[in-house]
C-alpha cells in the first residue's frame, strides 16, 4: 500500500466509512449572516408592506377602470418600442466596443454607461435641450421634417430608450467578450464578410445575452419616470405611463396608487421569472 492509499484509508476510518466525494460545507459566520439577513429584510419589507396594505376588496374595481388600462397599454407599447430601438442601435454599438480597437474606446464606453448613473430628470432635461423644438437637433427636425418629439408618445419612447439602452449594451458587450472570436475569424477566412459572419455565426452564439439584455432594457423602460415626465410630460392617453399614473394617484387616491403599483410589481416578477427560467438557470 502506498503512502497516499494509507492516508485515504486513515481518513475513511476517521469519518466512519469510505468517503463518497461530497465535501461538507462549513457554516456561515455570524458576522456575515446577520448583515445578510438585515439586507434581505430591507429589500423585502417594502414589498411585503405593499401586499399587506393593498385594498384587496376594491382591487377589481381599481384595475378595471379605463385610466388604468390606458396607462398600462401605453406603458407596454412604449417599453416594447424602446426595447426595439435599443436592439437596433445597441447591439451594433456593443459589437463595436467588444470587437474593435479604436482611440478613445474607453471614453466611448464611459459615455454609453453614463445614463446608468445620470439622474433621470437630468436625462430628460438633456433630451429637451437636444431634441426639443428649440433644441440642438430638434429645431432641424421641426423645420425640415415637421417632427416634434417632446410631449408626444414618440417622446416617451425616446426617453425610455435613452435610459434603457445601456443595460442592453453592457449585457451584449459582456457576452461578446466571453464568446470565442475564432469562429467569426474562421468564417471570414472562408470568404464571408464581417457582417455576414456576425449575422450567421456571432449573433446565434450571443443570442442568450441579447435576449437577457433586451429583457432588462424592457423592464427598465417600463419603470422609467424622471426622464419621461420631463421630456414627454404627463398627459393621459398620450404620455401618461404606469409610473406617472402611480405618482398622480398617490396625491389624490392612495388606494388607486397601491393597485397600480401591484400591477407593476406583478409585471416585474413575471419578467424576472421569465429571465431566470430561460437564460439564467444554472447548469
Protein backbone atom coordinates (compact mmCIF):
# COMPACT_ATOMS: atom_id res chain seq x y z
CA UNK A 1 0.00 0.00 0.00
CA UNK A 2 1.35 3.38 -0.95
CA UNK A 3 1.52 6.37 1.37
CA UNK A 4 -1.43 8.02 -0.44
CA UNK A 5 -3.59 4.91 -0.08
CA UNK A 6 -2.74 4.73 3.61
CA UNK A 7 -3.74 8.36 4.10
CA UNK A 8 -7.08 7.76 2.34
CA UNK A 9 -7.73 4.70 4.49
CA UNK A 10 -6.97 6.64 7.65
CA UNK A 11 -9.33 9.41 6.59
CA UNK A 12 -12.06 6.86 5.87
CA UNK A 13 -11.59 5.42 9.35
CA UNK A 14 -11.88 8.83 10.99
CA UNK A 15 -15.15 9.69 9.23
CA UNK A 16 -16.61 6.27 9.93
CA UNK A 17 -16.53 4.77 6.46
CA UNK A 18 -15.49 5.40 2.88
CA UNK A 19 -15.80 8.93 1.66
CA UNK A 20 -18.44 9.46 -1.01
CA UNK A 21 -16.83 12.50 -2.69
CA UNK A 22 -19.18 15.00 -1.08
CA UNK A 23 -17.48 17.79 0.82
CA UNK A 24 -19.33 19.14 3.82
CA UNK A 25 -19.83 22.88 3.56
CA UNK A 26 -18.74 24.96 6.53
CA UNK A 27 -21.26 27.01 8.42
CA UNK A 28 -21.93 30.68 7.68
CA UNK A 29 -20.02 33.04 10.01
CA UNK A 30 -22.31 35.04 12.25
CA UNK A 31 -20.72 38.43 11.29
CA UNK A 32 -21.75 37.69 7.69
CA UNK A 33 -25.09 36.05 8.41
CA UNK A 34 -26.61 38.91 10.42
CA UNK A 35 -25.92 41.70 7.88
CA UNK A 36 -27.12 39.39 5.10
CA UNK A 37 -30.43 38.79 6.88
CA UNK A 38 -30.84 42.52 7.60
CA UNK A 39 -30.16 43.31 3.95
CA UNK A 40 -32.69 40.71 2.81
CA UNK A 41 -35.31 42.13 5.17
CA UNK A 42 -34.52 45.65 3.97
CA UNK A 43 -35.24 44.61 0.38
CA UNK A 44 -38.32 42.51 1.10
CA UNK A 45 -40.08 44.61 3.75
CA UNK A 46 -41.37 47.35 1.37
CA UNK A 47 -42.76 44.72 -0.99
CA UNK A 48 -44.44 42.88 1.88
CA UNK A 49 -45.91 46.16 3.13
CA UNK A 50 -47.30 46.81 -0.36
CA UNK A 51 -49.07 43.46 -0.30
CA UNK A 52 -50.31 43.88 3.27
CA UNK A 53 -51.75 47.37 2.72
CA UNK A 54 -53.25 46.58 -0.67
CA UNK A 55 -57.02 47.28 -0.91
CA UNK A 56 -57.89 43.74 -1.94
CA UNK A 57 -61.66 44.25 -1.60
CA UNK A 58 -61.71 47.15 -4.08
CA UNK A 59 -58.84 45.94 -6.23
CA UNK A 60 -61.01 44.60 -9.10
CA UNK A 61 -62.78 47.95 -9.44
CA UNK A 62 -59.48 49.81 -9.34
CA UNK A 63 -57.88 47.67 -12.02
CA UNK A 64 -60.83 47.63 -14.41
CA UNK A 65 -61.01 51.41 -14.78
CA UNK A 66 -60.34 52.87 -18.21
CA UNK A 67 -57.50 55.04 -16.91
CA UNK A 68 -55.56 52.03 -15.61
CA UNK A 69 -55.84 50.06 -18.84
CA UNK A 70 -54.98 53.14 -20.85
CA UNK A 71 -51.80 53.75 -18.86
CA UNK A 72 -50.91 50.04 -18.88
CA UNK A 73 -51.36 49.76 -22.65
CA UNK A 74 -49.23 52.85 -23.25
CA UNK A 75 -46.55 51.53 -20.89
CA UNK A 76 -46.35 48.16 -22.61
CA UNK A 77 -46.34 49.63 -26.12
CA UNK A 78 -43.76 52.32 -25.36
CA UNK A 79 -41.47 49.95 -23.42
CA UNK A 80 -41.59 47.43 -26.27
CA UNK A 81 -40.85 50.13 -28.84
CA UNK A 82 -37.98 51.48 -26.72
CA UNK A 83 -36.56 47.94 -26.47
CA UNK A 84 -36.75 47.57 -30.24
CA UNK A 85 -34.86 50.85 -30.67
CA UNK A 86 -32.28 49.66 -28.13
CA UNK A 87 -31.81 46.41 -30.05
CA UNK A 88 -31.36 48.10 -33.42
CA UNK A 89 -28.86 50.63 -32.07
CA UNK A 90 -27.40 48.88 -29.04
CA UNK A 91 -26.30 45.55 -30.50
CA UNK A 92 -24.06 47.15 -33.16
CA UNK A 93 -22.71 49.53 -30.53
CA UNK A 94 -21.88 46.62 -28.22
CA UNK A 95 -20.13 44.83 -31.09
CA UNK A 96 -18.11 47.95 -31.84
CA UNK A 97 -16.97 48.19 -28.22
CA UNK A 98 -16.17 44.49 -27.89
CA UNK A 99 -14.66 43.58 -31.26
CA UNK A 100 -12.83 46.70 -32.48
CA UNK A 101 -9.97 48.75 -31.12
CA UNK A 102 -10.06 52.49 -31.77
CA UNK A 103 -8.69 55.57 -30.00
CA UNK A 104 -10.89 56.65 -27.12
CA UNK A 105 -12.79 53.37 -26.81
CA UNK A 106 -12.74 53.58 -23.01
CA UNK A 107 -14.13 57.10 -23.14
CA UNK A 108 -16.90 56.00 -25.51
CA UNK A 109 -17.77 53.12 -23.16
CA UNK A 110 -17.97 55.58 -20.27
CA UNK A 111 -20.34 57.79 -22.28
CA UNK A 112 -22.51 54.79 -23.14
CA UNK A 113 -22.86 53.83 -19.48
CA UNK A 114 -23.40 57.41 -18.32
CA UNK A 115 -27.23 57.17 -18.40
CA UNK A 116 -26.96 54.40 -15.80
CA UNK A 117 -25.71 56.84 -13.17
CA UNK A 118 -27.21 60.05 -14.55
CA UNK A 119 -30.31 61.21 -12.64
CA UNK A 120 -33.29 60.53 -14.92
CA UNK A 121 -34.58 64.10 -14.59
CA UNK A 122 -31.22 65.37 -15.81
CA UNK A 123 -31.52 62.97 -18.74
CA UNK A 124 -34.94 64.43 -19.54
CA UNK A 125 -33.56 67.98 -19.46
CA UNK A 126 -30.70 66.90 -21.75
CA UNK A 127 -33.19 65.37 -24.17
CA UNK A 128 -35.18 68.61 -24.20
CA UNK A 129 -32.06 70.61 -24.98
CA UNK A 130 -31.11 68.21 -27.76
CA UNK A 131 -34.45 67.19 -29.29
CA UNK A 132 -36.84 69.91 -28.14
CA UNK A 133 -38.50 72.30 -30.54
CA UNK A 134 -35.63 74.74 -29.99
CA UNK A 135 -33.02 72.08 -29.26
CA UNK A 136 -29.71 71.50 -30.96
CA UNK A 137 -31.16 68.83 -33.26
CA UNK A 138 -34.87 69.28 -32.58
CA UNK A 139 -35.08 72.61 -34.39
CA UNK A 140 -33.88 70.97 -37.60
CA UNK A 141 -36.27 68.06 -37.16
CA UNK A 142 -39.12 70.52 -36.78
CA UNK A 143 -38.18 72.85 -39.64
CA UNK A 144 -37.10 70.20 -42.17
CA UNK A 145 -39.41 67.26 -41.44
CA UNK A 146 -42.11 68.70 -39.17
CA UNK A 147 -41.20 66.18 -36.43
CA UNK A 148 -41.80 67.24 -32.83
CA UNK A 149 -40.81 64.75 -30.15
CA UNK A 150 -41.40 66.42 -26.74
CA UNK A 151 -44.78 65.80 -25.08
CA UNK A 152 -45.72 63.06 -27.56
CA UNK A 153 -45.90 59.27 -27.39
CA UNK A 154 -42.78 59.13 -29.56
CA UNK A 155 -41.10 61.29 -26.92
CA UNK A 156 -41.96 58.64 -24.31
CA UNK A 157 -40.23 56.01 -26.45
CA UNK A 158 -37.16 58.23 -26.90
CA UNK A 159 -36.89 58.93 -23.16
CA UNK A 160 -37.26 55.25 -22.25
CA UNK A 161 -34.75 54.15 -24.88
CA UNK A 162 -32.24 56.71 -23.59
CA UNK A 163 -32.24 55.23 -20.09
CA UNK A 164 -32.71 51.57 -21.08
CA UNK A 165 -30.22 51.08 -23.91
CA UNK A 166 -27.11 51.00 -21.67
CA UNK A 167 -28.45 47.88 -19.94
CA UNK A 168 -28.61 46.07 -23.27
CA UNK A 169 -25.23 47.35 -24.46
CA UNK A 170 -23.47 46.19 -21.28
CA UNK A 171 -25.12 42.76 -21.41
CA UNK A 172 -24.35 42.19 -25.09
CA UNK A 173 -20.80 43.52 -24.81
CA UNK A 174 -20.06 41.14 -21.94
CA UNK A 175 -21.47 38.23 -23.93
CA UNK A 176 -19.39 39.19 -26.97
CA UNK A 177 -16.22 39.33 -24.91
CA UNK A 178 -16.95 35.88 -23.49
CA UNK A 179 -17.67 34.41 -26.95
CA UNK A 180 -14.75 32.88 -28.83
CA UNK A 181 -13.82 35.23 -31.72
CA UNK A 182 -12.14 32.39 -33.61
CA UNK A 183 -15.48 31.24 -35.02
CA UNK A 184 -16.00 34.68 -36.52
CA UNK A 185 -12.44 34.71 -37.83
CA UNK A 186 -12.88 31.27 -39.39
CA UNK A 187 -15.99 32.46 -41.20
CA UNK A 188 -14.11 35.43 -42.66
CA UNK A 189 -11.27 33.18 -43.87
CA UNK A 190 -13.89 31.12 -45.74
CA UNK A 191 -14.97 34.20 -47.68
CA UNK A 192 -17.74 35.64 -45.54
CA UNK A 193 -17.83 39.37 -44.92
CA UNK A 194 -17.62 40.62 -41.34
CA UNK A 195 -21.32 41.47 -41.39
CA UNK A 196 -22.22 38.02 -42.72
CA UNK A 197 -20.02 36.40 -40.08
CA UNK A 198 -21.73 38.48 -37.41
CA UNK A 199 -25.21 37.65 -38.70
CA UNK A 200 -24.67 33.94 -39.33
CA UNK A 201 -22.11 33.00 -36.67
CA UNK A 202 -21.76 35.54 -33.86
CA UNK A 203 -25.40 36.53 -33.42
CA UNK A 204 -26.63 32.96 -32.80
CA UNK A 205 -23.81 32.49 -30.27
CA UNK A 206 -24.70 35.61 -28.29
CA UNK A 207 -28.49 35.23 -28.62
CA UNK A 208 -28.97 34.41 -24.89
CA UNK A 209 -27.04 37.55 -23.89
CA UNK A 210 -29.01 39.66 -26.36
CA UNK A 211 -32.29 38.27 -25.02
CA UNK A 212 -31.26 38.87 -21.40
CA UNK A 213 -30.19 42.43 -22.21
CA UNK A 214 -33.46 43.04 -24.05
CA UNK A 215 -35.49 41.85 -21.06
CA UNK A 216 -33.50 44.09 -18.70
CA UNK A 217 -33.91 47.06 -21.05
CA UNK A 218 -37.64 46.40 -21.35
CA UNK A 219 -38.06 46.24 -17.58
CA UNK A 220 -36.06 49.46 -17.14
CA UNK A 221 -38.13 51.21 -19.80
CA UNK A 222 -41.36 50.04 -18.20
CA UNK A 223 -40.40 51.64 -14.88
CA UNK A 224 -38.97 54.89 -16.25
CA UNK A 225 -40.33 58.04 -14.59
CA UNK A 226 -37.99 61.05 -14.38
CA UNK A 227 -36.88 61.37 -18.00
CA UNK A 228 -40.39 60.62 -19.25
CA UNK A 229 -42.19 63.26 -17.20
CA UNK A 230 -39.51 65.84 -18.01
CA UNK A 231 -39.27 65.22 -21.75
CA UNK A 232 -42.77 63.92 -22.59
CA UNK A 233 -44.98 65.32 -19.84
CA UNK A 234 -47.92 63.63 -18.12
CA UNK A 235 -50.88 63.64 -20.50
CA UNK A 236 -53.41 60.80 -20.02
CA UNK A 237 -53.73 58.63 -23.08
CA UNK A 238 -50.71 60.17 -24.77
CA UNK A 239 -47.72 60.22 -22.43
CA UNK A 240 -49.01 59.01 -19.04
CA UNK A 241 -47.36 55.65 -18.39
CA UNK A 242 -47.94 53.48 -15.34
CA UNK A 243 -45.25 55.06 -13.13
CA UNK A 244 -46.65 58.51 -13.88
CA UNK A 245 -50.16 57.28 -13.13
CA UNK A 246 -48.95 55.90 -9.78
CA UNK A 247 -47.38 59.25 -8.89
CA UNK A 248 -50.53 61.15 -9.82
CA UNK A 249 -52.84 58.73 -8.00
CA UNK A 250 -50.71 58.84 -4.85
CA UNK A 251 -51.57 62.51 -4.40
CA UNK A 252 -55.34 62.04 -4.69
CA UNK A 253 -56.20 58.35 -4.24
CA UNK A 254 -53.58 56.26 -2.37
CA UNK A 255 -55.64 53.09 -2.83
CA UNK A 256 -55.50 53.50 -6.60
CA UNK A 257 -51.76 54.12 -6.39
CA UNK A 258 -51.30 50.85 -4.49
CA UNK A 259 -53.39 48.99 -7.05
CA UNK A 260 -51.31 50.37 -9.91
CA UNK A 261 -48.14 49.50 -8.03
CA UNK A 262 -49.32 45.91 -7.67
CA UNK A 263 -49.73 45.70 -11.44
CA UNK A 264 -46.16 46.89 -11.98
CA UNK A 265 -44.93 44.51 -9.27
CA UNK A 266 -46.65 41.58 -10.97
CA UNK A 267 -45.16 42.52 -14.34
CA UNK A 268 -41.69 42.87 -12.81
CA UNK A 269 -41.92 39.47 -11.10
CA UNK A 270 -43.06 37.89 -14.37
CA UNK A 271 -40.13 39.45 -16.23
CA UNK A 272 -37.58 38.24 -13.68
CA UNK A 273 -39.10 34.77 -13.58
CA UNK A 274 -39.01 34.50 -17.35
CA UNK A 275 -35.45 35.77 -17.50
CA UNK A 276 -34.26 33.26 -14.92
CA UNK A 277 -36.09 30.27 -16.40
CA UNK A 278 -34.88 30.85 -19.95
CA UNK A 279 -31.44 32.40 -19.71
CA UNK A 280 -30.05 32.32 -16.17
CA UNK A 281 -30.66 28.77 -14.99
CA UNK A 282 -27.50 27.34 -13.51
CA UNK A 283 -26.25 24.19 -15.17
